[in-house]
Amino acid sequence: MHLHSAPAGLVLNGAPATGRYAGQLDLGFDWRGLQPPHARSWLWRRLHHKRWLYLGLGDERVFIGLAVVDVGWTATAFAYLFDRQQARLRVDWSQDGLPGLQAHVADAPFAAGSVTRFRGPGARISLSRDSGQLMQVQLDTPQFQLDAQLDLSHLAPPLLAIGPIADGGVAHATLKTSALPLRGQARLRGAAGHEDLSLDQAWGALDASNGLLARHTAWRWASAHGPGLGFNLQQGYFGGQENALWLDGQLIPLGAAQFAFDAARPLQPWQVRTDDGLLDLQFQPEGARQDARHLGFAASNYVQPVGRFSGWVRASPDDPKREVHQLLGVTEDHRSMW
């Protein structure tokens, strides 16, 4: 199945421009053109507009995840470093802040000149695209620093998915890349001094999401990327809109995803597959980041295991299966009331 090129904007004739596309938005994430029955009041949009930029990167030694998240009435940022050799989290940092003042998620996060940032007491995160083909990633927290450059000149067609949200939401959009080469360094800080880790052999993938979501939102997610092969799967609030496979630079839409795992024991193996017969993988967790918050009016339960995918994928039902062996990636089980 061939994906059409990305539309200029999220809204077409007053409605979400529903579909899966290859490429980026010219106008960025902008829902202001929505008309009834999709339009909502300013206050509703303020409380329900959620946006985030997530970067996952890793190599044989570490996996690093970081994000800036604006949920409308508050914002948060997090960063973690999972040591794959020691099978443990070495760093797990997060901090809340005020949208606009301490946190900003760019509406066109991959565009030249865009900046997504978070600044709080003793910490800052910045993901900024220069005028060329590099995205600068800088992080400084009490526990570790990160200074890296993602090379967008090697960008395979990104996936753009746009679609409606049921159960009280309006619409959502997401823009995801496959593997991007990077150069950089992480510095771990500790009582005994610091430890520098080169990231020049690592690969990174970006996830930019922006939607007018329901108060109760849940999903299961799987993402893994390497040279010539990557995939993104989601089961939950967005249906199968963002399910895709990158194979030898080709972007291939996938069918509905099925996740088989034990929610009470997320470090046990997971099985993920798609109904179209193009992907069947087992995920072996090495460890996980978890977070649970219950504030009465809001709540979040989140677990993101880091590990390895093995199995097979293929470009079409008639193509031979391509073996996947120990591909680094993550899964996620997430439920929010926001």
C-alpha atoms as a PDB file:
ATOM      1  CA  MET A   1       0.000   0.000   0.000  1.00  0.00           C
ATOM      2  CA  HIS A   2       1.379   3.370  -1.026  1.00  0.00           C
ATOM      3  CA  LEU A   3       1.066   6.250   1.432  1.00  0.00           C
ATOM      4  CA  HIS A   4       0.166   9.660   0.083  1.00  0.00           C
ATOM      5  CA  SER A   5       2.354  12.667   0.781  1.00  0.00           C
ATOM      6  CA  ALA A   6       1.582  14.619   3.935  1.00  0.00           C
ATOM      7  CA  PRO A   7      -1.053  17.353   3.645  1.00  0.00           C
ATOM      8  CA  ALA A   8      -0.145  20.948   4.359  1.00  0.00           C
ATOM      9  CA  GLY A   9      -2.099  20.978   7.631  1.00  0.00           C
ATOM     10  CA  LEU A  10      -4.057  18.874  10.096  1.00  0.00           C
ATOM     11  CA  VAL A  11      -7.468  20.242   9.135  1.00  0.00           C
ATOM     12  CA  LEU A  12      -9.284  19.845   5.824  1.00  0.00           C
ATOM     13  CA  ASN A  13     -12.672  21.533   5.265  1.00  0.00           C
ATOM     14  CA  GLY A  14     -13.124  22.010   9.002  1.00  0.00           C
ATOM     15  CA  ALA A  15     -12.452  18.352   9.893  1.00  0.00           C
ATOM     16  CA  PRO A  16      -9.324  16.363  10.779  1.00  0.00           C
ATOM     17  CA  ALA A  17      -7.440  15.325   7.627  1.00  0.00           C
ATOM     18  CA  THR A  18      -7.763  11.675   8.643  1.00  0.00           C
ATOM     19  CA  GLY A  19      -5.235   9.270   7.185  1.00  0.00           C
ATOM     20  CA  ARG A  20      -1.711   7.905   7.221  1.00  0.00           C
ATOM     21  CA  TYR A  21       0.867   9.798   5.208  1.00  0.00           C
ATOM     22  CA  ALA A  22       4.567   9.851   4.370  1.00  0.00           C
ATOM     23  CA  GLY A  23       6.291  13.122   5.203  1.00  0.00           C
ATOM     24  CA  GLN A  24       5.939  16.186   7.382  1.00  0.00           C
ATOM     25  CA  LEU A  25       3.350  18.902   7.798  1.00  0.00           C
ATOM     26  CA  ASP A  26       4.165  22.213   6.138  1.00  0.00           C
ATOM     27  CA  LEU A  27       2.098  24.114   8.712  1.00  0.00           C
ATOM     28  CA  GLY A  28       2.946  22.074  11.792  1.00  0.00           C
ATOM     29  CA  PHE A  29       0.413  20.842  14.336  1.00  0.00           C
ATOM     30  CA  ASP A  30      -2.448  23.356  14.248  1.00  0.00           C
ATOM     31  CA  TRP A  31      -6.071  22.452  15.066  1.00  0.00           C
ATOM     32  CA  ARG A  32      -7.502  25.988  14.903  1.00  0.00           C
ATOM     33  CA  GLY A  33      -9.383  25.350  11.658  1.00  0.00           C
ATOM     34  CA  LEU A  34     -11.721  22.760  13.177  1.00  0.00           C
ATOM     35  CA  GLN A  35     -15.410  23.513  12.727  1.00  0.00           C
ATOM     36  CA  PRO A  36     -18.560  21.945  14.297  1.00  0.00           C
ATOM     37  CA  PRO A  37     -19.019  19.161  15.209  1.00  0.00           C
ATOM     38  CA  HIS A  38     -15.255  18.999  15.811  1.00  0.00           C
ATOM     39  CA  ALA A  39     -14.812  22.484  17.286  1.00  0.00           C
ATOM     40  CA  ARG A  40     -14.628  22.989  21.060  1.00  0.00           C
ATOM     41  CA  SER A  41     -14.496  25.960  23.418  1.00  0.00           C
ATOM     42  CA  TRP A  42     -11.240  27.657  24.363  1.00  0.00           C
ATOM     43  CA  LEU A  43     -11.418  26.219  27.889  1.00  0.00           C
ATOM     44  CA  TRP A  44     -12.047  22.685  26.645  1.00  0.00           C
ATOM     45  CA  ARG A  45      -9.090  22.920  24.283  1.00  0.00           C
ATOM     46  CA  ARG A  46      -6.903  24.265  27.075  1.00  0.00           C
ATOM     47  CA  LEU A  47      -7.691  21.299  29.300  1.00  0.00           C
ATOM     48  CA  HIS A  48      -7.642  18.596  26.611  1.00  0.00           C
ATOM     49  CA  HIS A  49      -4.840  19.693  24.285  1.00  0.00           C
ATOM     50  CA  LYS A  50      -1.899  17.315  24.855  1.00  0.00           C
ATOM     51  CA  ARG A  51       1.446  17.505  23.059  1.00  0.00           C
ATOM     52  CA  TRP A  52       4.819  15.897  23.536  1.00  0.00           C
ATOM     53  CA  LEU A  53       8.167  15.246  21.927  1.00  0.00           C
ATOM     54  CA  TYR A  54       9.908  12.000  22.860  1.00  0.00           C
ATOM     55  CA  LEU A  55      13.365  10.780  21.887  1.00  0.00           C
ATOM     56  CA  GLY A  56      14.554   7.226  22.396  1.00  0.00           C
ATOM     57  CA  LEU A  57      18.171   6.398  21.629  1.00  0.00           C
ATOM     58  CA  GLY A  58      20.418   3.477  22.340  1.00  0.00           C
ATOM     59  CA  ASP A  59      23.289   1.182  21.452  1.00  0.00           C
ATOM     60  CA  GLU A  60      24.768  -2.046  22.786  1.00  0.00           C
ATOM     61  CA  ARG A  61      25.473  -0.459  26.167  1.00  0.00           C
ATOM     62  CA  VAL A  62      22.636   1.926  27.045  1.00  0.00           C
ATOM     63  CA  PHE A  63      19.126   3.054  26.214  1.00  0.00           C
ATOM     64  CA  ILE A  64      18.127   6.660  26.932  1.00  0.00           C
ATOM     65  CA  GLY A  65      14.587   8.001  26.852  1.00  0.00           C
ATOM     66  CA  LEU A  66      13.632  11.647  27.304  1.00  0.00           C
ATOM     67  CA  ALA A  67      10.571  13.783  26.672  1.00  0.00           C
ATOM     68  CA  VAL A  68       8.925  17.144  27.154  1.00  0.00           C
ATOM     69  CA  VAL A  69       5.161  16.847  27.715  1.00  0.00           C
ATOM     70  CA  ASP A  70       2.553  19.642  27.802  1.00  0.00           C
ATOM     71  CA  VAL A  71      -0.873  18.426  28.961  1.00  0.00           C
ATOM     72  CA  GLY A  72      -2.503  21.874  28.901  1.00  0.00           C
ATOM     73  CA  TRP A  73      -2.862  22.617  32.601  1.00  0.00           C
ATOM     74  CA  THR A  74       0.605  21.401  33.567  1.00  0.00           C
ATOM     75  CA  ALA A  75       3.810  20.178  31.958  1.00  0.00           C
ATOM     76  CA  THR A  76       6.445  17.632  32.777  1.00  0.00           C
ATOM     77  CA  ALA A  77       9.787  16.432  31.508  1.00  0.00           C
ATOM     78  CA  PHE A  78      11.616  13.202  32.128  1.00  0.00           C
ATOM     79  CA  ALA A  79      14.875  11.518  31.229  1.00  0.00           C
ATOM     80  CA  TYR A  80      16.199   8.102  32.070  1.00  0.00           C
ATOM     81  CA  LEU A  81      19.284   6.062  31.295  1.00  0.00           C
ATOM     82  CA  PHE A  82      19.073   2.288  31.327  1.00  0.00           C
ATOM     83  CA  ASP A  83      22.376   0.425  31.543  1.00  0.00           C
ATOM     84  CA  ARG A  84      21.930  -2.673  29.376  1.00  0.00           C
ATOM     85  CA  GLN A  85      25.107  -4.340  30.631  1.00  0.00           C
ATOM     86  CA  GLN A  86      24.090  -3.984  34.262  1.00  0.00           C
ATOM     87  CA  ALA A  87      20.355  -4.448  33.477  1.00  0.00           C
ATOM     88  CA  ARG A  88      19.313  -1.518  35.657  1.00  0.00           C
ATOM     89  CA  LEU A  89      18.264   2.111  35.570  1.00  0.00           C
ATOM     90  CA  ARG A  90      21.260   4.297  36.318  1.00  0.00           C
ATOM     91  CA  VAL A  91      19.263   7.543  36.027  1.00  0.00           C
ATOM     92  CA  ASP A  92      15.540   8.226  36.452  1.00  0.00           C
ATOM     93  CA  TRP A  93      14.763  11.956  36.550  1.00  0.00           C
ATOM     94  CA  SER A  94      11.509  13.876  36.144  1.00  0.00           C
ATOM     95  CA  GLN A  95      10.223  17.327  36.985  1.00  0.00           C
ATOM     96  CA  ASP A  96       6.928  19.216  36.609  1.00  0.00           C
ATOM     97  CA  GLY A  97       6.564  22.772  35.386  1.00  0.00           C
ATOM     98  CA  LEU A  98       4.271  25.396  33.909  1.00  0.00           C
ATOM     99  CA  PRO A  99       3.318  25.251  30.207  1.00  0.00           C
ATOM    100  CA  GLY A 100       4.651  28.201  28.259  1.00  0.00           C
ATOM    101  CA  LEU A 101       6.773  29.464  31.114  1.00  0.00           C
ATOM    102  CA  GLN A 102       8.978  26.449  31.840  1.00  0.00           C
ATOM    103  CA  ALA A 103       7.975  24.107  29.023  1.00  0.00           C
ATOM    104  CA  HIS A 104       7.337  24.538  25.315  1.00  0.00           C
ATOM    105  CA  VAL A 105       6.643  21.798  22.748  1.00  0.00           C
ATOM    106  CA  ALA A 106       7.133  23.080  19.209  1.00  0.00           C
ATOM    107  CA  ASP A 107       4.185  22.779  16.825  1.00  0.00           C
ATOM    108  CA  ALA A 108       6.620  21.910  14.014  1.00  0.00           C
ATOM    109  CA  PRO A 109       9.264  20.020  16.005  1.00  0.00           C
ATOM    110  CA  PHE A 110      11.361  18.844  13.040  1.00  0.00           C
ATOM    111  CA  ALA A 111      11.314  22.148  11.129  1.00  0.00           C
ATOM    112  CA  ALA A 112      14.364  24.382  10.809  1.00  0.00           C
ATOM    113  CA  GLY A 113      14.559  26.804  13.717  1.00  0.00           C
ATOM    114  CA  SER A 114      12.143  24.873  15.948  1.00  0.00           C
ATOM    115  CA  VAL A 115      12.883  24.497  19.666  1.00  0.00           C
ATOM    116  CA  THR A 116      11.259  22.200  22.217  1.00  0.00           C
ATOM    117  CA  ARG A 117      12.474  22.964  25.724  1.00  0.00           C
ATOM    118  CA  PHE A 118      12.026  22.526  29.450  1.00  0.00           C
ATOM    119  CA  ARG A 119      13.678  24.602  32.158  1.00  0.00           C
ATOM    120  CA  GLY A 120      13.261  23.953  35.866  1.00  0.00           C
ATOM    121  CA  PRO A 121      15.274  24.172  39.084  1.00  0.00           C
ATOM    122  CA  GLY A 122      18.675  22.698  38.315  1.00  0.00           C
ATOM    123  CA  ALA A 123      17.586  21.116  35.035  1.00  0.00           C
ATOM    124  CA  ARG A 124      17.011  21.836  31.384  1.00  0.00           C
ATOM    125  CA  ILE A 125      16.188  19.955  28.175  1.00  0.00           C
ATOM    126  CA  SER A 126      16.383  21.329  24.648  1.00  0.00           C
ATOM    127  CA  LEU A 127      15.716  19.687  21.275  1.00  0.00           C
ATOM    128  CA  SER A 128      16.366  22.221  18.526  1.00  0.00           C
ATOM    129  CA  ARG A 129      16.681  21.951  14.755  1.00  0.00           C
ATOM    130  CA  ASP A 130      19.320  24.168  13.184  1.00  0.00           C
ATOM    131  CA  SER A 131      19.144  25.633   9.688  1.00  0.00           C
ATOM    132  CA  GLY A 132      20.851  22.548   8.292  1.00  0.00           C
ATOM    133  CA  GLN A 133      20.204  18.843   8.809  1.00  0.00           C
ATOM    134  CA  LEU A 134      21.039  18.482  12.502  1.00  0.00           C
ATOM    135  CA  MET A 135      18.866  18.378  15.578  1.00  0.00           C
ATOM    136  CA  GLN A 136      20.724  19.390  18.712  1.00  0.00           C
ATOM    137  CA  VAL A 137      19.789  17.476  21.854  1.00  0.00           C
ATOM    138  CA  GLN A 138      20.981  18.925  25.158  1.00  0.00           C
ATOM    139  CA  LEU A 139      20.068  17.794  28.633  1.00  0.00           C
ATOM    140  CA  ASP A 140      21.467  18.874  31.976  1.00  0.00           C
ATOM    141  CA  THR A 141      20.147  17.420  35.240  1.00  0.00           C
ATOM    142  CA  PRO A 142      21.764  16.792  38.612  1.00  0.00           C
ATOM    143  CA  GLN A 143      22.243  13.142  37.645  1.00  0.00           C
ATOM    144  CA  PHE A 144      23.494  13.308  34.079  1.00  0.00           C
ATOM    145  CA  GLN A 145      24.196  15.421  31.033  1.00  0.00           C
ATOM    146  CA  LEU A 146      23.581  14.676  27.382  1.00  0.00           C
ATOM    147  CA  ASP A 147      24.953  16.532  24.372  1.00  0.00           C
ATOM    148  CA  ALA A 148      24.139  14.936  21.021  1.00  0.00           C
ATOM    149  CA  GLN A 149      23.291  15.668  17.396  1.00  0.00           C
ATOM    150  CA  LEU A 150      20.717  13.721  15.379  1.00  0.00           C
ATOM    151  CA  ASP A 151      21.484  13.609  11.651  1.00  0.00           C
ATOM    152  CA  LEU A 152      18.229  14.300   9.782  1.00  0.00           C
ATOM    153  CA  SER A 153      19.913  14.000   6.380  1.00  0.00           C
ATOM    154  CA  HIS A 154      19.463  10.224   6.697  1.00  0.00           C
ATOM    155  CA  LEU A 155      15.762  10.565   7.507  1.00  0.00           C
ATOM    156  CA  ALA A 156      13.610   7.871   5.907  1.00  0.00           C
ATOM    157  CA  PRO A 157      10.057   9.040   5.150  1.00  0.00           C
ATOM    158  CA  PRO A 158       8.496   9.793   8.542  1.00  0.00           C
ATOM    159  CA  LEU A 159       5.021   8.549   9.352  1.00  0.00           C
ATOM    160  CA  LEU A 160       2.310  11.160   9.814  1.00  0.00           C
ATOM    161  CA  ALA A 161      -0.969   9.825  11.211  1.00  0.00           C
ATOM    162  CA  ILE A 162      -4.091  11.953  11.725  1.00  0.00           C
ATOM    163  CA  GLY A 163      -7.422  10.722  12.986  1.00  0.00           C
ATOM    164  CA  PRO A 164     -10.457  11.106  15.239  1.00  0.00           C
ATOM    165  CA  ILE A 165     -10.543  10.135  18.906  1.00  0.00           C
ATOM    166  CA  ALA A 166     -13.580   8.466  20.465  1.00  0.00           C
ATOM    167  CA  ASP A 167     -14.890   8.521  24.050  1.00  0.00           C
ATOM    168  CA  GLY A 168     -14.769  12.273  24.602  1.00  0.00           C
ATOM    169  CA  GLY A 169     -11.790  13.328  22.493  1.00  0.00           C
ATOM    170  CA  VAL A 170     -11.733  15.072  19.128  1.00  0.00           C
ATOM    171  CA  ALA A 171      -8.612  14.240  17.124  1.00  0.00           C
ATOM    172  CA  HIS A 172      -4.962  13.287  17.354  1.00  0.00           C
ATOM    173  CA  ALA A 173      -1.887  13.493  15.150  1.00  0.00           C
ATOM    174  CA  THR A 174       1.555  11.989  15.451  1.00  0.00           C
ATOM    175  CA  LEU A 175       4.787  12.255  13.482  1.00  0.00           C
ATOM    176  CA  LYS A 176       7.346   9.484  13.944  1.00  0.00           C
ATOM    177  CA  THR A 177      10.759   8.776  12.492  1.00  0.00           C
ATOM    178  CA  SER A 178      12.690   5.583  12.121  1.00  0.00           C
ATOM    179  CA  ALA A 179      16.386   5.241  13.029  1.00  0.00           C
ATOM    180  CA  LEU A 180      18.531   8.375  12.862  1.00  0.00           C
ATOM    181  CA  PRO A 181      22.304   8.236  13.298  1.00  0.00           C
ATOM    182  CA  LEU A 182      23.711  10.466  15.994  1.00  0.00           C
ATOM    183  CA  ARG A 183      26.908  11.621  17.580  1.00  0.00           C
ATOM    184  CA  GLY A 184      27.326  12.723  21.139  1.00  0.00           C
ATOM    185  CA  GLN A 185      28.154  11.940  24.706  1.00  0.00           C
ATOM    186  CA  ALA A 186      26.382  11.302  27.995  1.00  0.00           C
ATOM    187  CA  ARG A 187      27.987  12.120  31.333  1.00  0.00           C
ATOM    188  CA  LEU A 188      26.834  10.371  34.486  1.00  0.00           C
ATOM    189  CA  ARG A 189      27.372  12.222  37.734  1.00  0.00           C
ATOM    190  CA  GLY A 190      27.906  10.486  41.049  1.00  0.00           C
ATOM    191  CA  ALA A 191      29.492  10.833  44.458  1.00  0.00           C
ATOM    192  CA  ALA A 192      32.639   9.153  43.174  1.00  0.00           C
ATOM    193  CA  GLY A 193      32.995  11.499  40.198  1.00  0.00           C
ATOM    194  CA  HIS A 194      31.672  11.307  36.649  1.00  0.00           C
ATOM    195  CA  GLU A 195      31.564   8.727  33.873  1.00  0.00           C
ATOM    196  CA  ASP A 196      31.522   9.650  30.186  1.00  0.00           C
ATOM    197  CA  LEU A 197      29.732   7.463  27.633  1.00  0.00           C
ATOM    198  CA  SER A 198      30.203   7.911  23.887  1.00  0.00           C
ATOM    199  CA  LEU A 199      26.991   7.672  21.876  1.00  0.00           C
ATOM    200  CA  ASP A 200      28.596   7.744  18.440  1.00  0.00           C
ATOM    201  CA  GLN A 201      27.392   4.194  17.675  1.00  0.00           C
ATOM    202  CA  ALA A 202      23.827   4.865  18.852  1.00  0.00           C
ATOM    203  CA  TRP A 203      20.647   5.333  16.844  1.00  0.00           C
ATOM    204  CA  GLY A 204      17.742   7.561  17.798  1.00  0.00           C
ATOM    205  CA  ALA A 205      14.041   7.843  16.883  1.00  0.00           C
ATOM    206  CA  LEU A 206      11.684  10.783  17.444  1.00  0.00           C
ATOM    207  CA  ASP A 207       7.993  10.776  18.351  1.00  0.00           C
ATOM    208  CA  ALA A 208       6.102  14.072  18.117  1.00  0.00           C
ATOM    209  CA  SER A 209       2.430  13.852  19.099  1.00  0.00           C
ATOM    210  CA  ASN A 210      -0.306  16.465  19.363  1.00  0.00           C
ATOM    211  CA  GLY A 211      -3.985  15.905  20.034  1.00  0.00           C
ATOM    212  CA  LEU A 212      -7.284  16.975  21.545  1.00  0.00           C
ATOM    213  CA  LEU A 213      -7.659  13.899  23.714  1.00  0.00           C
ATOM    214  CA  ALA A 214     -10.235  12.384  26.026  1.00  0.00           C
ATOM    215  CA  ARG A 215      -9.891  12.714  29.785  1.00  0.00           C
ATOM    216  CA  HIS A 216      -9.302   8.957  30.069  1.00  0.00           C
ATOM    217  CA  THR A 217      -6.657   7.777  27.622  1.00  0.00           C
ATOM    218  CA  ALA A 218      -4.888   4.422  27.444  1.00  0.00           C
ATOM    219  CA  TRP A 219      -2.503   2.734  25.051  1.00  0.00           C
ATOM    220  CA  ARG A 220      -0.023  -0.035  24.486  1.00  0.00           C
ATOM    221  CA  TRP A 221       2.973   0.824  22.367  1.00  0.00           C
ATOM    222  CA  ALA A 222       5.973  -0.880  20.800  1.00  0.00           C
ATOM    223  CA  SER A 223       8.828   0.832  18.990  1.00  0.00           C
ATOM    224  CA  ALA A 224      12.221  -0.375  17.781  1.00  0.00           C
ATOM    225  CA  HIS A 225      14.601   0.984  15.181  1.00  0.00           C
ATOM    226  CA  GLY A 226      17.935   0.162  13.602  1.00  0.00           C
ATOM    227  CA  PRO A 227      19.691   0.523  10.239  1.00  0.00           C
ATOM    228  CA  GLY A 228      17.254  -0.486   7.506  1.00  0.00           C
ATOM    229  CA  LEU A 229      14.554  -1.758   9.859  1.00  0.00           C
ATOM    230  CA  GLY A 230      12.145  -0.151  12.303  1.00  0.00           C
ATOM    231  CA  PHE A 231       8.528  -0.259  13.372  1.00  0.00           C
ATOM    232  CA  ASN A 232       5.923   1.538  15.467  1.00  0.00           C
ATOM    233  CA  LEU A 233       2.815  -0.119  16.896  1.00  0.00           C
ATOM    234  CA  GLN A 234      -0.030   1.182  19.045  1.00  0.00           C
ATOM    235  CA  GLN A 235      -3.165  -0.410  20.423  1.00  0.00           C
ATOM    236  CA  GLY A 236      -5.603   1.836  22.247  1.00  0.00           C
ATOM    237  CA  TYR A 237      -7.015   5.328  21.900  1.00  0.00           C
ATOM    238  CA  PHE A 238      -5.715   5.893  18.350  1.00  0.00           C
ATOM    239  CA  GLY A 239      -6.640   2.503  16.894  1.00  0.00           C
ATOM    240  CA  GLY A 240      -4.177   1.304  14.261  1.00  0.00           C
ATOM    241  CA  GLN A 241      -3.529   4.721  12.724  1.00  0.00           C
ATOM    242  CA  GLU A 242       0.155   4.876  13.678  1.00  0.00           C
ATOM    243  CA  ASN A 243       1.141   1.277  12.918  1.00  0.00           C
ATOM    244  CA  ALA A 244       3.993   1.244  10.427  1.00  0.00           C
ATOM    245  CA  LEU A 245       7.095  -0.634   9.317  1.00  0.00           C
ATOM    246  CA  TRP A 246      10.260   0.892   7.876  1.00  0.00           C
ATOM    247  CA  LEU A 247      12.098  -1.627   5.709  1.00  0.00           C
ATOM    248  CA  ASP A 248      15.145  -0.657   3.636  1.00  0.00           C
ATOM    249  CA  GLY A 249      13.991   2.966   3.575  1.00  0.00           C
ATOM    250  CA  GLN A 250      10.422   2.111   2.555  1.00  0.00           C
ATOM    251  CA  LEU A 251       7.513   3.156   4.798  1.00  0.00           C
ATOM    252  CA  ILE A 252       4.855   0.424   4.950  1.00  0.00           C
ATOM    253  CA  PRO A 253       1.499   0.802   6.773  1.00  0.00           C
ATOM    254  CA  LEU A 254       0.585  -2.078   9.074  1.00  0.00           C
ATOM    255  CA  GLY A 255      -2.739  -3.466  10.230  1.00  0.00           C
ATOM    256  CA  ALA A 256      -4.190  -3.586  13.721  1.00  0.00           C
ATOM    257  CA  ALA A 257      -1.702  -4.555  16.423  1.00  0.00           C
ATOM    258  CA  GLN A 258      -2.215  -7.231  19.056  1.00  0.00           C
ATOM    259  CA  PHE A 259      -0.251  -7.223  22.326  1.00  0.00           C
ATOM    260  CA  ALA A 260      -0.049 -10.339  24.508  1.00  0.00           C
ATOM    261  CA  PHE A 261       1.653  -9.747  27.874  1.00  0.00           C
ATOM    262  CA  ASP A 262       1.100  -9.969  31.620  1.00  0.00           C
ATOM    263  CA  ALA A 263       0.302  -6.459  32.880  1.00  0.00           C
ATOM    264  CA  ALA A 264       1.132  -7.518  36.440  1.00  0.00           C
ATOM    265  CA  ARG A 265       4.536  -8.822  35.330  1.00  0.00           C
ATOM    266  CA  PRO A 266       5.709  -6.525  32.530  1.00  0.00           C
ATOM    267  CA  LEU A 267       9.274  -7.911  32.606  1.00  0.00           C
ATOM    268  CA  GLN A 268       8.005 -11.253  31.311  1.00  0.00           C
ATOM    269  CA  PRO A 269       8.126 -11.711  27.498  1.00  0.00           C
ATOM    270  CA  TRP A 270       5.637  -9.851  25.325  1.00  0.00           C
ATOM    271  CA  GLN A 271       4.219 -11.036  21.996  1.00  0.00           C
ATOM    272  CA  VAL A 272       3.297  -8.420  19.382  1.00  0.00           C
ATOM    273  CA  ARG A 273       1.862  -9.010  15.937  1.00  0.00           C
ATOM    274  CA  THR A 274      -0.302  -7.358  13.301  1.00  0.00           C
ATOM    275  CA  ASP A 275      -3.510  -8.732  11.824  1.00  0.00           C
ATOM    276  CA  ASP A 276      -2.263  -8.320   8.252  1.00  0.00           C
ATOM    277  CA  GLY A 277       0.456 -10.956   8.685  1.00  0.00           C
ATOM    278  CA  LEU A 278       3.345  -8.534   8.153  1.00  0.00           C
ATOM    279  CA  LEU A 279       4.853  -8.589  11.657  1.00  0.00           C
ATOM    280  CA  ASP A 280       5.204 -11.205  14.391  1.00  0.00           C
ATOM    281  CA  LEU A 281       7.715 -10.531  17.159  1.00  0.00           C
ATOM    282  CA  GLN A 282       8.586 -11.536  20.680  1.00  0.00           C
ATOM    283  CA  PHE A 283       9.916  -8.905  23.051  1.00  0.00           C
ATOM    284  CA  GLN A 284      12.302  -9.852  25.851  1.00  0.00           C
ATOM    285  CA  PRO A 285      12.524  -7.070  28.457  1.00  0.00           C
ATOM    286  CA  GLU A 286      15.877  -6.269  30.056  1.00  0.00           C
ATOM    287  CA  GLY A 287      14.438  -3.788  32.576  1.00  0.00           C
ATOM    288  CA  ALA A 288      11.909  -0.972  32.753  1.00  0.00           C
ATOM    289  CA  ARG A 289      11.097   2.559  33.801  1.00  0.00           C
ATOM    290  CA  GLN A 290       7.844   2.842  35.766  1.00  0.00           C
ATOM    291  CA  ASP A 291       5.886   5.757  37.167  1.00  0.00           C
ATOM    292  CA  ALA A 292       2.542   5.966  38.965  1.00  0.00           C
ATOM    293  CA  ARG A 293       0.876   9.195  40.037  1.00  0.00           C
ATOM    294  CA  HIS A 294      -2.513   9.585  41.712  1.00  0.00           C
ATOM    295  CA  LEU A 295      -3.554  13.169  42.417  1.00  0.00           C
ATOM    296  CA  GLY A 296      -7.291  12.697  42.779  1.00  0.00           C
ATOM    297  CA  PHE A 297      -8.251  14.886  39.818  1.00  0.00           C
ATOM    298  CA  ALA A 298      -5.539  13.307  37.644  1.00  0.00           C
ATOM    299  CA  ALA A 299      -3.658  10.034  37.489  1.00  0.00           C
ATOM    300  CA  SER A 300      -1.047   8.265  35.400  1.00  0.00           C
ATOM    301  CA  ASN A 301       0.181   4.672  35.403  1.00  0.00           C
ATOM    302  CA  TYR A 302       3.091   3.990  33.116  1.00  0.00           C
ATOM    303  CA  VAL A 303       5.604   1.222  32.514  1.00  0.00           C
ATOM    304  CA  GLN A 304       8.108   1.276  29.662  1.00  0.00           C
ATOM    305  CA  PRO A 305      10.234  -1.882  29.423  1.00  0.00           C
ATOM    306  CA  VAL A 306      13.503  -1.735  27.468  1.00  0.00           C
ATOM    307  CA  GLY A 307      14.608  -4.849  25.650  1.00  0.00           C
ATOM    308  CA  ARG A 308      15.042  -6.839  22.446  1.00  0.00           C
ATOM    309  CA  PHE A 309      12.657  -7.853  19.666  1.00  0.00           C
ATOM    310  CA  SER A 310      13.097 -11.065  17.681  1.00  0.00           C
ATOM    311  CA  GLY A 311      10.902 -12.711  15.066  1.00  0.00           C
ATOM    312  CA  TRP A 312      10.038 -11.624  11.539  1.00  0.00           C
ATOM    313  CA  VAL A 313       8.548  -8.883   9.376  1.00  0.00           C
ATOM    314  CA  ARG A 314       7.762  -8.591   5.676  1.00  0.00           C
ATOM    315  CA  ALA A 315       6.740  -5.879   3.252  1.00  0.00           C
ATOM    316  CA  SER A 316       3.636  -7.680   1.919  1.00  0.00           C
ATOM    317  CA  PRO A 317       1.856 -10.997   2.459  1.00  0.00           C
ATOM    318  CA  ASP A 318       3.530 -12.358  -0.684  1.00  0.00           C
ATOM    319  CA  ASP A 319       7.071 -11.374   0.292  1.00  0.00           C
ATOM    320  CA  PRO A 320       9.486 -13.650   2.159  1.00  0.00           C
ATOM    321  CA  LYS A 321       9.814 -13.114   5.881  1.00  0.00           C
ATOM    322  CA  ARG A 322      12.719 -10.953   7.035  1.00  0.00           C
ATOM    323  CA  GLU A 323      14.295 -12.177  10.253  1.00  0.00           C
ATOM    324  CA  VAL A 324      14.492  -9.741  13.155  1.00  0.00           C
ATOM    325  CA  HIS A 325      17.162 -10.627  15.701  1.00  0.00           C
ATOM    326  CA  GLN A 326      17.687  -8.831  19.014  1.00  0.00           C
ATOM    327  CA  LEU A 327      16.494  -5.418  17.794  1.00  0.00           C
ATOM    328  CA  LEU A 328      16.714  -2.854  20.600  1.00  0.00           C
ATOM    329  CA  GLY A 329      13.472  -1.103  21.467  1.00  0.00           C
ATOM    330  CA  VAL A 330      10.733  -0.488  24.004  1.00  0.00           C
ATOM    331  CA  THR A 331       7.174  -1.451  24.805  1.00  0.00           C
ATOM    332  CA  GLU A 332       4.761   0.531  26.950  1.00  0.00           C
ATOM    333  CA  ASP A 333       1.562   0.097  28.927  1.00  0.00           C
ATOM    334  CA  HIS A 334       0.072   3.480  29.804  1.00  0.00           C
ATOM    335  CA  ARG A 335      -3.196   4.701  31.350  1.00  0.00           C
ATOM    336  CA  SER A 336      -3.927   8.342  32.080  1.00  0.00           C
ATOM    337  CA  MET A 337      -6.701  10.443  33.538  1.00  0.00           C
ATOM    338  CA  TRP A 338      -5.689  13.961  32.498  1.00  0.00           C
END
